[in-house]
Amino acid sequence: MKTTLRVFGIFVATILFLSIEIGSEPIFGHIYDVISPATKGAQKVAENFFGSSVDKTQDFSKKLFENSVPKVKDSVKSKMSAIKNAPLEDVTAEDKQELDELIKSHN
C-alpha cells in the first residue's frame, strides 16, 4: 500500500512540475521541443517495422492456408466400399418408436 501511494505521489508531483510555466510555456513544452524530432523518428521506425511485420505475417498465413487445402479430391474407388455394400434395411414403425423412446429417456 505504501508503494502504491508513493508511486501515485511521484506521478502527481511530476505532473505538477511539468506544468510549471517558464516563458509562457510549461516545462513539458520545452522538453517536447527538444525531444520531439527523436520521438517522431522512433515512431516512424516502429510503424514501418510493425507494418512490414503484419504484412509478412498475413502473406505467410495466406500461403499456409492455401497449402493446407488438398488440390485433389479424395474419393473411394473400391468396389468394397462400406456404403455401397451396406444392406438396405427397412426400419419398422415399431423400431422407430422404440428408438424415439430410447432417445427421449436418455435426455
Protein backbone atom coordinates (compact mmCIF):
# COMPACT_ATOMS: atom_id res chain seq x y z
CA MET A 1 0.00 0.00 0.00
CA LYS A 2 2.86 2.37 0.83
CA THR A 3 4.45 1.65 -2.53
CA THR A 4 1.23 2.44 -4.37
CA LEU A 5 0.82 5.73 -2.53
CA ARG A 6 4.48 6.60 -3.12
CA VAL A 7 4.18 5.92 -6.89
CA PHE A 8 0.96 7.93 -7.05
CA GLY A 9 2.62 10.81 -5.17
CA ILE A 10 5.63 10.80 -7.50
CA PHE A 11 3.28 10.75 -10.50
CA VAL A 12 1.29 13.75 -9.23
CA ALA A 13 4.48 15.65 -8.32
CA THR A 14 5.91 15.02 -11.81
CA ILE A 15 2.76 16.31 -13.48
CA LEU A 16 2.77 19.40 -11.29
CA PHE A 17 6.46 20.01 -12.02
CA LEU A 18 5.99 19.64 -15.79
CA SER A 19 3.04 22.07 -15.63
CA ILE A 20 5.12 24.98 -14.26
CA GLU A 21 5.28 27.73 -16.86
CA ILE A 22 8.59 29.22 -17.95
CA GLY A 23 8.38 31.91 -20.58
CA SER A 24 4.62 31.42 -21.18
CA GLU A 25 5.14 27.72 -21.93
CA PRO A 26 5.06 24.80 -19.47
CA ILE A 27 8.28 22.88 -18.81
CA PHE A 28 6.77 19.94 -20.70
CA GLY A 29 6.55 22.11 -23.83
CA HIS A 30 10.25 22.96 -23.63
CA ILE A 31 11.16 19.30 -23.15
CA TYR A 32 8.87 18.32 -26.02
CA ASP A 33 10.51 20.83 -28.37
CA VAL A 34 13.91 19.25 -27.68
CA ILE A 35 12.84 15.58 -27.75
CA SER A 36 10.12 15.60 -30.46
CA PRO A 37 12.40 15.10 -33.51
CA ALA A 38 13.84 11.92 -31.97
CA THR A 39 10.44 10.62 -30.86
CA LYS A 40 8.91 11.28 -34.29
CA GLY A 41 11.77 9.35 -35.93
CA ALA A 42 11.35 6.47 -33.47
CA GLN A 43 7.62 6.42 -34.15
CA LYS A 44 8.18 6.20 -37.94
CA VAL A 45 10.68 3.36 -37.48
CA ALA A 46 8.25 1.48 -35.22
CA GLU A 47 5.35 1.98 -37.64
CA ASN A 48 7.42 0.73 -40.58
CA PHE A 49 8.68 -2.28 -38.60
CA PHE A 50 5.28 -3.32 -37.32
CA GLY A 51 3.60 -2.58 -40.66
CA SER A 52 6.02 -4.81 -42.54
CA SER A 53 5.73 -7.48 -39.83
CA VAL A 54 1.94 -7.51 -40.18
CA ASP A 55 2.19 -7.69 -43.99
CA LYS A 56 4.67 -10.58 -43.84
CA THR A 57 2.53 -12.41 -41.30
CA GLN A 58 -0.57 -12.02 -43.47
CA ASP A 59 1.28 -13.29 -46.54
CA PHE A 60 2.68 -16.26 -44.61
CA SER A 61 -0.75 -17.11 -43.16
CA LYS A 62 -2.36 -16.92 -46.59
CA LYS A 63 0.28 -19.24 -48.10
CA LEU A 64 -0.04 -21.63 -45.17
CA PHE A 65 -3.82 -21.79 -45.58
CA GLU A 66 -3.61 -22.25 -49.35
CA ASN A 67 -1.15 -25.11 -48.90
CA SER A 68 -3.35 -26.83 -46.33
CA VAL A 69 -6.26 -27.36 -48.70
CA PRO A 70 -5.78 -30.53 -50.78
CA LYS A 71 -5.87 -29.90 -54.52
CA VAL A 72 -7.12 -33.40 -55.33
CA LYS A 73 -10.47 -34.52 -54.02
CA ASP A 74 -10.19 -37.81 -52.18
CA SER A 75 -12.72 -40.44 -53.14
CA VAL A 76 -13.26 -44.14 -52.60
CA LYS A 77 -12.89 -46.07 -55.84
CA SER A 78 -13.03 -49.53 -54.40
CA LYS A 79 -15.98 -51.79 -55.04
CA MET A 80 -15.54 -52.93 -51.45
CA SER A 81 -16.77 -49.61 -50.08
CA ALA A 82 -18.92 -49.99 -46.99
CA ILE A 83 -21.52 -47.55 -48.29
CA LYS A 84 -22.11 -49.49 -51.47
CA ASN A 85 -22.26 -52.85 -49.70
CA ALA A 86 -24.38 -51.78 -46.73
CA PRO A 87 -27.58 -53.76 -46.51
CA LEU A 88 -30.68 -51.71 -47.07
CA GLU A 89 -32.95 -52.43 -44.15
CA ASP A 90 -36.44 -51.25 -43.69
CA VAL A 91 -36.93 -49.82 -40.24
CA THR A 92 -40.39 -50.60 -39.00
CA ALA A 93 -42.64 -48.11 -37.27
CA GLU A 94 -42.26 -50.09 -34.04
CA ASP A 95 -38.47 -49.86 -34.24
CA LYS A 96 -38.65 -46.13 -34.87
CA GLN A 97 -40.95 -45.69 -31.87
CA GLU A 98 -38.61 -47.70 -29.62
CA LEU A 99 -35.63 -45.65 -30.80
CA ASP A 100 -37.51 -42.40 -30.17
CA GLU A 101 -38.40 -43.52 -26.65
CA LEU A 102 -34.81 -44.56 -26.00
CA ILE A 103 -33.54 -41.16 -27.15
CA LYS A 104 -36.13 -39.31 -25.07
CA SER A 105 -35.31 -41.34 -21.96
CA HIS A 106 -31.59 -40.69 -22.43
CA ASN A 107 -32.03 -36.89 -22.29
